Amino acid sequence: MLLAIDVGNTQTQFGVFDSAGALMAEWRLSTHRDQTADELGGRMRSMLQLEGIAVEAINGMVAASVVPPLSAALGGLGRRYFGMDPMMVNARLVDDLPILYDPPEAVGADRIVNAVAAREKYGVPVVVVDFGTATTFDVIDPDGAYLGGVIATGIGVSADALFQRAARLPRVHVAEPAQVIGQNTTGAVQSGLFYGYAELVDGLLRRIIAELGAVPQVVATGGWSATIGGACANVDRVDPLLTLEGLRLIFERYAE
């Protein structure tokens, strides 16, 4: 079985795939930058046990991390609890994805993984919108190369900044409101966050597509994708498991 781990700034996503490539279990946990290998190992054991998966059944491990302290902890987790070094994704590893970004090493591991998965699953050209701590837009051109993208402030960060700076505004749950015109403060804030962010995404996608000069598939993924993706007119599909699938594809392609 393969253990795939995607470490983001806010959430860490785990998935276990069987030998046929089917996803058997998936979890999302809060990311804590100061976690040790032993703390990660304890949580990992508990999650596997709850799903009835033996630690000994894990014979492969692949990870993408944008949090450097946890990248080192993942190495310790793999060696101590699973008896192996995890395959760590980076631009040098994935040599069949031409990266036109400058420099290529600056592209986050999660963005590389999403590009590989989207190209494989949906063809080219394709744009991935990853709704995480930041919202990233990754563009794969008609030749299958990673062209570049956009990095915007994530909706969770935007909401937190609003509530911290505006003392009289209540903290509200980010969700689609019943109507755009809020008839109380909670509804007005919720509408501004939800529809304002959907329009930000749609506006950037319009500009990306015009500049690309081709009509891509647009795929939404990430922790907020299920909440926001369906409200974006230019998003074709929502695929919350895209990153895990990309990790599996990369492991199968590059494992020695």
C-alpha atoms as a PDB file:
ATOM      1  CA  MET A   1       0.000   0.000   0.000  1.00  0.00           C
ATOM      2  CA  LEU A   2       1.081   3.566  -0.683  1.00  0.00           C
ATOM      3  CA  LEU A   3       0.908   6.374   1.878  1.00  0.00           C
ATOM      4  CA  ALA A   4       0.620   9.793   0.185  1.00  0.00           C
ATOM      5  CA  ILE A   5       1.011  13.010   2.187  1.00  0.00           C
ATOM      6  CA  ASP A   6       0.403  16.596   1.080  1.00  0.00           C
ATOM      7  CA  VAL A   7       1.623  19.118   3.671  1.00  0.00           C
ATOM      8  CA  GLY A   8       0.075  22.563   3.191  1.00  0.00           C
ATOM      9  CA  ASN A   9       0.413  25.662   5.345  1.00  0.00           C
ATOM     10  CA  THR A  10      -3.035  25.195   6.907  1.00  0.00           C
ATOM     11  CA  GLN A  11      -3.991  21.551   6.319  1.00  0.00           C
ATOM     12  CA  THR A  12      -2.187  18.265   5.783  1.00  0.00           C
ATOM     13  CA  GLN A  13      -3.940  15.683   3.614  1.00  0.00           C
ATOM     14  CA  PHE A  14      -3.167  11.974   3.920  1.00  0.00           C
ATOM     15  CA  GLY A  15      -4.261   9.163   1.637  1.00  0.00           C
ATOM     16  CA  VAL A  16      -3.665   5.416   1.440  1.00  0.00           C
ATOM     17  CA  PHE A  17      -3.837   3.653  -1.944  1.00  0.00           C
ATOM     18  CA  ASP A  18      -3.994  -0.085  -2.488  1.00  0.00           C
ATOM     19  CA  SER A  19      -1.827  -1.960  -4.986  1.00  0.00           C
ATOM     20  CA  ALA A  20      -4.380  -1.351  -7.759  1.00  0.00           C
ATOM     21  CA  GLY A  21      -4.263   2.422  -7.250  1.00  0.00           C
ATOM     22  CA  ALA A  22      -7.635   2.724  -5.492  1.00  0.00           C
ATOM     23  CA  LEU A  23      -7.899   5.213  -2.640  1.00  0.00           C
ATOM     24  CA  MET A  24      -8.740   3.277   0.528  1.00  0.00           C
ATOM     25  CA  ALA A  25      -8.709   6.083   3.100  1.00  0.00           C
ATOM     26  CA  GLU A  26      -8.233   9.859   3.209  1.00  0.00           C
ATOM     27  CA  TRP A  27      -7.872  12.378   6.038  1.00  0.00           C
ATOM     28  CA  ARG A  28      -7.317  16.117   6.457  1.00  0.00           C
ATOM     29  CA  LEU A  29      -5.685  17.443   9.625  1.00  0.00           C
ATOM     30  CA  SER A  30      -4.517  20.881  10.728  1.00  0.00           C
ATOM     31  CA  THR A  31      -0.866  21.561   9.963  1.00  0.00           C
ATOM     32  CA  HIS A  32       1.369  22.365  12.941  1.00  0.00           C
ATOM     33  CA  ARG A  33       4.823  23.554  11.881  1.00  0.00           C
ATOM     34  CA  ASP A  34       6.567  22.434  15.075  1.00  0.00           C
ATOM     35  CA  GLN A  35       5.349  18.829  15.015  1.00  0.00           C
ATOM     36  CA  THR A  36       8.032  16.200  15.447  1.00  0.00           C
ATOM     37  CA  ALA A  37       8.372  12.928  13.575  1.00  0.00           C
ATOM     38  CA  ASP A  38       7.072  11.111  16.660  1.00  0.00           C
ATOM     39  CA  GLU A  39       3.998  13.331  16.930  1.00  0.00           C
ATOM     40  CA  LEU A  40       3.249  12.785  13.257  1.00  0.00           C
ATOM     41  CA  GLY A  41       3.862   9.061  13.684  1.00  0.00           C
ATOM     42  CA  GLY A  42       1.448   8.808  16.592  1.00  0.00           C
ATOM     43  CA  ARG A  43      -1.316  10.538  14.646  1.00  0.00           C
ATOM     44  CA  MET A  44      -0.607   8.447  11.577  1.00  0.00           C
ATOM     45  CA  ARG A  45      -0.780   5.175  13.513  1.00  0.00           C
ATOM     46  CA  SER A  46      -4.097   6.199  15.077  1.00  0.00           C
ATOM     47  CA  MET A  47      -5.636   7.068  11.716  1.00  0.00           C
ATOM     48  CA  LEU A  48      -4.481   3.834  10.115  1.00  0.00           C
ATOM     49  CA  GLN A  49      -5.777   1.825  13.055  1.00  0.00           C
ATOM     50  CA  LEU A  50      -9.208   3.450  12.800  1.00  0.00           C
ATOM     51  CA  GLU A  51      -9.378   2.373   9.144  1.00  0.00           C
ATOM     52  CA  GLY A  52      -8.165  -1.157   9.916  1.00  0.00           C
ATOM     53  CA  ILE A  53      -4.918  -0.689   7.982  1.00  0.00           C
ATOM     54  CA  ALA A  54      -1.783  -2.252   9.435  1.00  0.00           C
ATOM     55  CA  VAL A  55       1.353  -0.109   9.561  1.00  0.00           C
ATOM     56  CA  GLU A  56       3.253  -3.077   8.116  1.00  0.00           C
ATOM     57  CA  ALA A  57       1.032  -2.985   5.009  1.00  0.00           C
ATOM     58  CA  ILE A  58       2.523   0.378   3.956  1.00  0.00           C
ATOM     59  CA  ASN A  59       5.331  -0.392   1.494  1.00  0.00           C
ATOM     60  CA  GLY A  60       5.596   2.958  -0.265  1.00  0.00           C
ATOM     61  CA  MET A  61       5.542   6.587   0.848  1.00  0.00           C
ATOM     62  CA  VAL A  62       5.427   9.810  -1.174  1.00  0.00           C
ATOM     63  CA  ALA A  63       5.067  13.381   0.051  1.00  0.00           C
ATOM     64  CA  ALA A  64       4.818  16.981  -1.104  1.00  0.00           C
ATOM     65  CA  SER A  65       5.489  19.708   1.441  1.00  0.00           C
ATOM     66  CA  VAL A  66       5.526  23.502   1.370  1.00  0.00           C
ATOM     67  CA  VAL A  67       6.494  23.681   5.060  1.00  0.00           C
ATOM     68  CA  PRO A  68      10.293  23.137   5.346  1.00  0.00           C
ATOM     69  CA  PRO A  69      10.360  22.134   9.059  1.00  0.00           C
ATOM     70  CA  LEU A  70       7.816  19.403   8.370  1.00  0.00           C
ATOM     71  CA  SER A  71       9.703  18.159   5.318  1.00  0.00           C
ATOM     72  CA  ALA A  72      12.468  17.040   7.691  1.00  0.00           C
ATOM     73  CA  ALA A  73       9.939  15.564  10.111  1.00  0.00           C
ATOM     74  CA  LEU A  74       8.412  13.505   7.288  1.00  0.00           C
ATOM     75  CA  GLY A  75      11.796  11.903   6.679  1.00  0.00           C
ATOM     76  CA  GLY A  76      11.979  10.887  10.328  1.00  0.00           C
ATOM     77  CA  LEU A  77       8.386   9.645  10.237  1.00  0.00           C
ATOM     78  CA  GLY A  78       9.105   7.426   7.252  1.00  0.00           C
ATOM     79  CA  ARG A  79      12.282   5.901   8.622  1.00  0.00           C
ATOM     80  CA  ARG A  80      11.117   5.380  12.202  1.00  0.00           C
ATOM     81  CA  TYR A  81       7.521   4.234  11.675  1.00  0.00           C
ATOM     82  CA  PHE A  82       7.528   2.726   8.187  1.00  0.00           C
ATOM     83  CA  GLY A  83      11.151   1.710   7.660  1.00  0.00           C
ATOM     84  CA  MET A  84      11.667   3.791   4.507  1.00  0.00           C
ATOM     85  CA  ASP A  85      12.583   7.226   3.242  1.00  0.00           C
ATOM     86  CA  PRO A  86       9.608   8.976   1.648  1.00  0.00           C
ATOM     87  CA  MET A  87       9.854  10.094  -1.964  1.00  0.00           C
ATOM     88  CA  MET A  88       9.834  13.904  -1.689  1.00  0.00           C
ATOM     89  CA  VAL A  89       8.423  15.674  -4.737  1.00  0.00           C
ATOM     90  CA  ASN A  90      10.301  18.598  -6.293  1.00  0.00           C
ATOM     91  CA  ALA A  91      10.987  20.077  -9.724  1.00  0.00           C
ATOM     92  CA  ARG A  92      14.148  17.984 -10.194  1.00  0.00           C
ATOM     93  CA  LEU A  93      12.312  14.728  -9.556  1.00  0.00           C
ATOM     94  CA  VAL A  94       9.495  15.262 -12.068  1.00  0.00           C
ATOM     95  CA  ASP A  95      11.624  15.468 -15.198  1.00  0.00           C
ATOM     96  CA  ASP A  96       8.829  14.768 -17.695  1.00  0.00           C
ATOM     97  CA  LEU A  97       7.010  18.023 -16.854  1.00  0.00           C
ATOM     98  CA  PRO A  98       8.672  20.940 -18.679  1.00  0.00           C
ATOM     99  CA  ILE A  99       8.600  23.872 -16.244  1.00  0.00           C
ATOM    100  CA  LEU A 100       8.788  27.330 -17.828  1.00  0.00           C
ATOM    101  CA  TYR A 101       8.676  29.130 -14.468  1.00  0.00           C
ATOM    102  CA  ASP A 102      11.813  31.095 -13.484  1.00  0.00           C
ATOM    103  CA  PRO A 103      13.477  29.444 -11.696  1.00  0.00           C
ATOM    104  CA  PRO A 104      11.802  26.007 -11.940  1.00  0.00           C
ATOM    105  CA  GLU A 105      12.827  25.193  -8.352  1.00  0.00           C
ATOM    106  CA  ALA A 106      10.581  27.986  -7.100  1.00  0.00           C
ATOM    107  CA  VAL A 107       7.424  26.089  -8.052  1.00  0.00           C
ATOM    108  CA  GLY A 108       5.896  24.566  -4.928  1.00  0.00           C
ATOM    109  CA  ALA A 109       5.793  20.784  -4.706  1.00  0.00           C
ATOM    110  CA  ASP A 110       1.999  20.819  -4.406  1.00  0.00           C
ATOM    111  CA  ARG A 111       1.698  22.819  -7.629  1.00  0.00           C
ATOM    112  CA  ILE A 112       3.918  20.343  -9.479  1.00  0.00           C
ATOM    113  CA  VAL A 113       1.820  17.454  -8.188  1.00  0.00           C
ATOM    114  CA  ASN A 114      -1.422  19.152  -9.249  1.00  0.00           C
ATOM    115  CA  ALA A 115      -0.013  19.840 -12.710  1.00  0.00           C
ATOM    116  CA  VAL A 116       0.979  16.198 -13.189  1.00  0.00           C
ATOM    117  CA  ALA A 117      -2.415  14.941 -12.015  1.00  0.00           C
ATOM    118  CA  ALA A 118      -4.457  17.406 -14.064  1.00  0.00           C
ATOM    119  CA  ARG A 119      -2.471  16.757 -17.236  1.00  0.00           C
ATOM    120  CA  GLU A 120      -2.932  13.002 -16.797  1.00  0.00           C
ATOM    121  CA  LYS A 121      -6.624  13.062 -15.828  1.00  0.00           C
ATOM    122  CA  TYR A 122      -8.012  15.909 -17.926  1.00  0.00           C
ATOM    123  CA  GLY A 123      -5.607  16.466 -20.806  1.00  0.00           C
ATOM    124  CA  VAL A 124      -4.173  19.774 -21.993  1.00  0.00           C
ATOM    125  CA  PRO A 125      -4.498  22.679 -21.845  1.00  0.00           C
ATOM    126  CA  VAL A 126      -5.666  22.681 -18.247  1.00  0.00           C
ATOM    127  CA  VAL A 127      -5.755  25.134 -15.352  1.00  0.00           C
ATOM    128  CA  VAL A 128      -5.762  24.025 -11.716  1.00  0.00           C
ATOM    129  CA  VAL A 129      -7.213  26.331  -9.064  1.00  0.00           C
ATOM    130  CA  ASP A 130      -6.055  25.150  -5.637  1.00  0.00           C
ATOM    131  CA  PHE A 131      -8.088  26.707  -2.816  1.00  0.00           C
ATOM    132  CA  GLY A 132      -5.761  26.581   0.174  1.00  0.00           C
ATOM    133  CA  THR A 133      -4.037  29.086   2.477  1.00  0.00           C
ATOM    134  CA  ALA A 134      -3.234  30.846  -0.775  1.00  0.00           C
ATOM    135  CA  THR A 135      -5.321  30.285  -3.874  1.00  0.00           C
ATOM    136  CA  THR A 136      -3.010  29.244  -6.682  1.00  0.00           C
ATOM    137  CA  PHE A 137      -3.740  29.061 -10.393  1.00  0.00           C
ATOM    138  CA  ASP A 138      -1.466  26.696 -12.338  1.00  0.00           C
ATOM    139  CA  VAL A 139      -1.510  26.731 -16.131  1.00  0.00           C
ATOM    140  CA  ILE A 140      -0.464  23.755 -18.280  1.00  0.00           C
ATOM    141  CA  ASP A 141      -0.256  24.825 -21.902  1.00  0.00           C
ATOM    142  CA  PRO A 142      -1.393  22.898 -25.009  1.00  0.00           C
ATOM    143  CA  ASP A 143       2.081  21.310 -25.267  1.00  0.00           C
ATOM    144  CA  GLY A 144       1.835  19.886 -21.743  1.00  0.00           C
ATOM    145  CA  ALA A 145       4.357  22.290 -20.188  1.00  0.00           C
ATOM    146  CA  TYR A 146       3.918  24.082 -16.885  1.00  0.00           C
ATOM    147  CA  LEU A 147       3.568  27.660 -18.134  1.00  0.00           C
ATOM    148  CA  GLY A 148       3.218  29.494 -14.807  1.00  0.00           C
ATOM    149  CA  GLY A 149       0.340  30.800 -12.777  1.00  0.00           C
ATOM    150  CA  VAL A 150      -1.084  33.185 -10.219  1.00  0.00           C
ATOM    151  CA  ILE A 151      -0.900  33.295  -6.423  1.00  0.00           C
ATOM    152  CA  ALA A 152      -3.745  35.071  -4.605  1.00  0.00           C
ATOM    153  CA  THR A 153      -4.648  35.406  -0.938  1.00  0.00           C
ATOM    154  CA  GLY A 154      -6.810  32.483   0.190  1.00  0.00           C
ATOM    155  CA  ILE A 155     -10.383  33.025   1.300  1.00  0.00           C
ATOM    156  CA  GLY A 156      -9.651  31.859   4.854  1.00  0.00           C
ATOM    157  CA  VAL A 157      -6.799  34.358   5.190  1.00  0.00           C
ATOM    158  CA  SER A 158      -8.987  37.111   3.710  1.00  0.00           C
ATOM    159  CA  ALA A 159     -11.762  36.350   6.177  1.00  0.00           C
ATOM    160  CA  ASP A 160      -9.365  36.315   9.142  1.00  0.00           C
ATOM    161  CA  ALA A 161      -7.878  39.673   8.100  1.00  0.00           C
ATOM    162  CA  LEU A 162     -11.359  41.206   7.830  1.00  0.00           C
ATOM    163  CA  PHE A 163     -12.446  40.012  11.272  1.00  0.00           C
ATOM    164  CA  GLN A 164      -9.181  41.114  12.904  1.00  0.00           C
ATOM    165  CA  ARG A 165      -9.225  44.612  11.393  1.00  0.00           C
ATOM    166  CA  ALA A 166     -12.949  45.410  11.679  1.00  0.00           C
ATOM    167  CA  ALA A 167     -13.840  45.291  15.370  1.00  0.00           C
ATOM    168  CA  ARG A 168     -17.612  45.482  14.919  1.00  0.00           C
ATOM    169  CA  LEU A 169     -17.953  42.813  12.247  1.00  0.00           C
ATOM    170  CA  PRO A 170     -18.922  39.350  13.511  1.00  0.00           C
ATOM    171  CA  ARG A 171     -16.887  36.303  12.585  1.00  0.00           C
ATOM    172  CA  VAL A 172     -19.068  34.258  10.214  1.00  0.00           C
ATOM    173  CA  HIS A 173     -18.826  30.840   8.637  1.00  0.00           C
ATOM    174  CA  VAL A 174     -17.763  31.030   4.973  1.00  0.00           C
ATOM    175  CA  ALA A 175     -20.635  29.483   3.049  1.00  0.00           C
ATOM    176  CA  GLU A 176     -22.969  30.364   0.188  1.00  0.00           C
ATOM    177  CA  PRO A 177     -25.655  32.724   1.527  1.00  0.00           C
ATOM    178  CA  ALA A 178     -29.303  32.554   0.517  1.00  0.00           C
ATOM    179  CA  GLN A 179     -29.023  35.793  -1.458  1.00  0.00           C
ATOM    180  CA  VAL A 180     -26.416  38.305  -2.578  1.00  0.00           C
ATOM    181  CA  ILE A 181     -28.048  41.305  -0.873  1.00  0.00           C
ATOM    182  CA  GLY A 182     -27.494  40.672   2.826  1.00  0.00           C
ATOM    183  CA  GLN A 183     -30.346  41.883   5.055  1.00  0.00           C
ATOM    184  CA  ASN A 184     -28.302  41.756   8.231  1.00  0.00           C
ATOM    185  CA  THR A 185     -24.618  42.159   9.029  1.00  0.00           C
ATOM    186  CA  THR A 186     -23.922  38.439   9.087  1.00  0.00           C
ATOM    187  CA  GLY A 187     -25.551  37.966   5.680  1.00  0.00           C
ATOM    188  CA  ALA A 188     -23.750  40.970   4.220  1.00  0.00           C
ATOM    189  CA  VAL A 189     -20.335  39.754   5.389  1.00  0.00           C
ATOM    190  CA  GLN A 190     -21.036  36.221   4.213  1.00  0.00           C
ATOM    191  CA  SER A 191     -22.097  37.497   0.782  1.00  0.00           C
ATOM    192  CA  GLY A 192     -19.013  39.674   0.432  1.00  0.00           C
ATOM    193  CA  LEU A 193     -16.680  36.842   1.325  1.00  0.00           C
ATOM    194  CA  PHE A 194     -18.347  34.123  -0.725  1.00  0.00           C
ATOM    195  CA  TYR A 195     -19.457  35.938  -3.882  1.00  0.00           C
ATOM    196  CA  GLY A 196     -16.591  38.398  -3.791  1.00  0.00           C
ATOM    197  CA  TYR A 197     -14.121  35.528  -3.780  1.00  0.00           C
ATOM    198  CA  ALA A 198     -15.984  33.607  -6.494  1.00  0.00           C
ATOM    199  CA  GLU A 199     -15.800  36.712  -8.698  1.00  0.00           C
ATOM    200  CA  LEU A 200     -12.078  37.099  -7.961  1.00  0.00           C
ATOM    201  CA  VAL A 201     -11.514  33.536  -9.170  1.00  0.00           C
ATOM    202  CA  ASP A 202     -13.693  33.966 -12.254  1.00  0.00           C
ATOM    203  CA  GLY A 203     -12.049  37.273 -13.137  1.00  0.00           C
ATOM    204  CA  LEU A 204      -8.538  35.843 -12.929  1.00  0.00           C
ATOM    205  CA  LEU A 205      -9.594  32.814 -14.955  1.00  0.00           C
ATOM    206  CA  ARG A 206     -11.012  35.035 -17.693  1.00  0.00           C
ATOM    207  CA  ARG A 207      -7.707  36.869 -17.946  1.00  0.00           C
ATOM    208  CA  ILE A 208      -5.668  33.645 -17.848  1.00  0.00           C
ATOM    209  CA  ILE A 209      -7.754  32.047 -20.615  1.00  0.00           C
ATOM    210  CA  ALA A 210      -7.530  35.161 -22.790  1.00  0.00           C
ATOM    211  CA  GLU A 211      -3.744  35.275 -22.394  1.00  0.00           C
ATOM    212  CA  LEU A 212      -3.367  31.537 -22.956  1.00  0.00           C
ATOM    213  CA  GLY A 213      -5.181  31.788 -26.273  1.00  0.00           C
ATOM    214  CA  ALA A 214      -6.777  28.366 -25.872  1.00  0.00           C
ATOM    215  CA  VAL A 215      -9.782  26.994 -24.002  1.00  0.00           C
ATOM    216  CA  PRO A 216      -8.580  24.837 -21.083  1.00  0.00           C
ATOM    217  CA  GLN A 217     -10.338  22.547 -18.699  1.00  0.00           C
ATOM    218  CA  VAL A 218     -10.449  24.305 -15.315  1.00  0.00           C
ATOM    219  CA  VAL A 219     -10.211  22.056 -12.252  1.00  0.00           C
ATOM    220  CA  ALA A 220     -10.671  23.203  -8.643  1.00  0.00           C
ATOM    221  CA  THR A 221      -9.052  21.387  -5.749  1.00  0.00           C
ATOM    222  CA  GLY A 222      -7.911  22.094  -2.190  1.00  0.00           C
ATOM    223  CA  GLY A 223      -9.617  22.502   1.152  1.00  0.00           C
ATOM    224  CA  TRP A 224     -12.009  25.281   0.100  1.00  0.00           C
ATOM    225  CA  SER A 225     -12.793  23.881  -3.357  1.00  0.00           C
ATOM    226  CA  ALA A 226     -16.016  22.142  -2.331  1.00  0.00           C
ATOM    227  CA  THR A 227     -17.255  25.393  -0.759  1.00  0.00           C
ATOM    228  CA  ILE A 228     -16.319  27.889  -3.472  1.00  0.00           C
ATOM    229  CA  GLY A 229     -15.579  25.925  -6.658  1.00  0.00           C
ATOM    230  CA  GLY A 230     -19.180  25.243  -7.608  1.00  0.00           C
ATOM    231  CA  ALA A 231     -20.038  28.939  -7.499  1.00  0.00           C
ATOM    232  CA  CYS A 232     -17.326  29.899 -10.001  1.00  0.00           C
ATOM    233  CA  ALA A 233     -18.714  30.079 -13.537  1.00  0.00           C
ATOM    234  CA  ASN A 234     -15.335  29.359 -15.141  1.00  0.00           C
ATOM    235  CA  VAL A 235     -14.571  26.244 -13.058  1.00  0.00           C
ATOM    236  CA  ASP A 236     -15.502  23.087 -14.975  1.00  0.00           C
ATOM    237  CA  ARG A 237     -15.121  20.531 -12.215  1.00  0.00           C
ATOM    238  CA  VAL A 238     -14.196  20.130  -8.567  1.00  0.00           C
ATOM    239  CA  ASP A 239     -11.689  17.399  -7.694  1.00  0.00           C
ATOM    240  CA  PRO A 240     -10.754  17.486  -3.975  1.00  0.00           C
ATOM    241  CA  LEU A 241      -8.517  14.408  -4.351  1.00  0.00           C
ATOM    242  CA  LEU A 242      -6.437  15.741  -7.264  1.00  0.00           C
ATOM    243  CA  THR A 243      -3.262  16.241  -5.207  1.00  0.00           C
ATOM    244  CA  LEU A 244      -3.357  12.759  -3.698  1.00  0.00           C
ATOM    245  CA  GLU A 245      -3.881  11.273  -7.162  1.00  0.00           C
ATOM    246  CA  GLY A 246      -0.922  13.257  -8.424  1.00  0.00           C
ATOM    247  CA  LEU A 247       1.272  11.939  -5.625  1.00  0.00           C
ATOM    248  CA  ARG A 248       0.272   8.395  -6.542  1.00  0.00           C
ATOM    249  CA  LEU A 249       1.033   8.978 -10.220  1.00  0.00           C
ATOM    250  CA  ILE A 250       4.450  10.443  -9.444  1.00  0.00           C
ATOM    251  CA  PHE A 251       5.339   7.581  -7.113  1.00  0.00           C
ATOM    252  CA  GLU A 252       4.363   4.978  -9.692  1.00  0.00           C
ATOM    253  CA  ARG A 253       6.361   6.790 -12.366  1.00  0.00           C
ATOM    254  CA  TYR A 254       9.547   7.477 -10.418  1.00  0.00           C
ATOM    255  CA  ALA A 255       9.822   4.771  -7.759  1.00  0.00           C
ATOM    256  CA  GLU A 256      12.998   2.744  -8.256  1.00  0.00           C
END
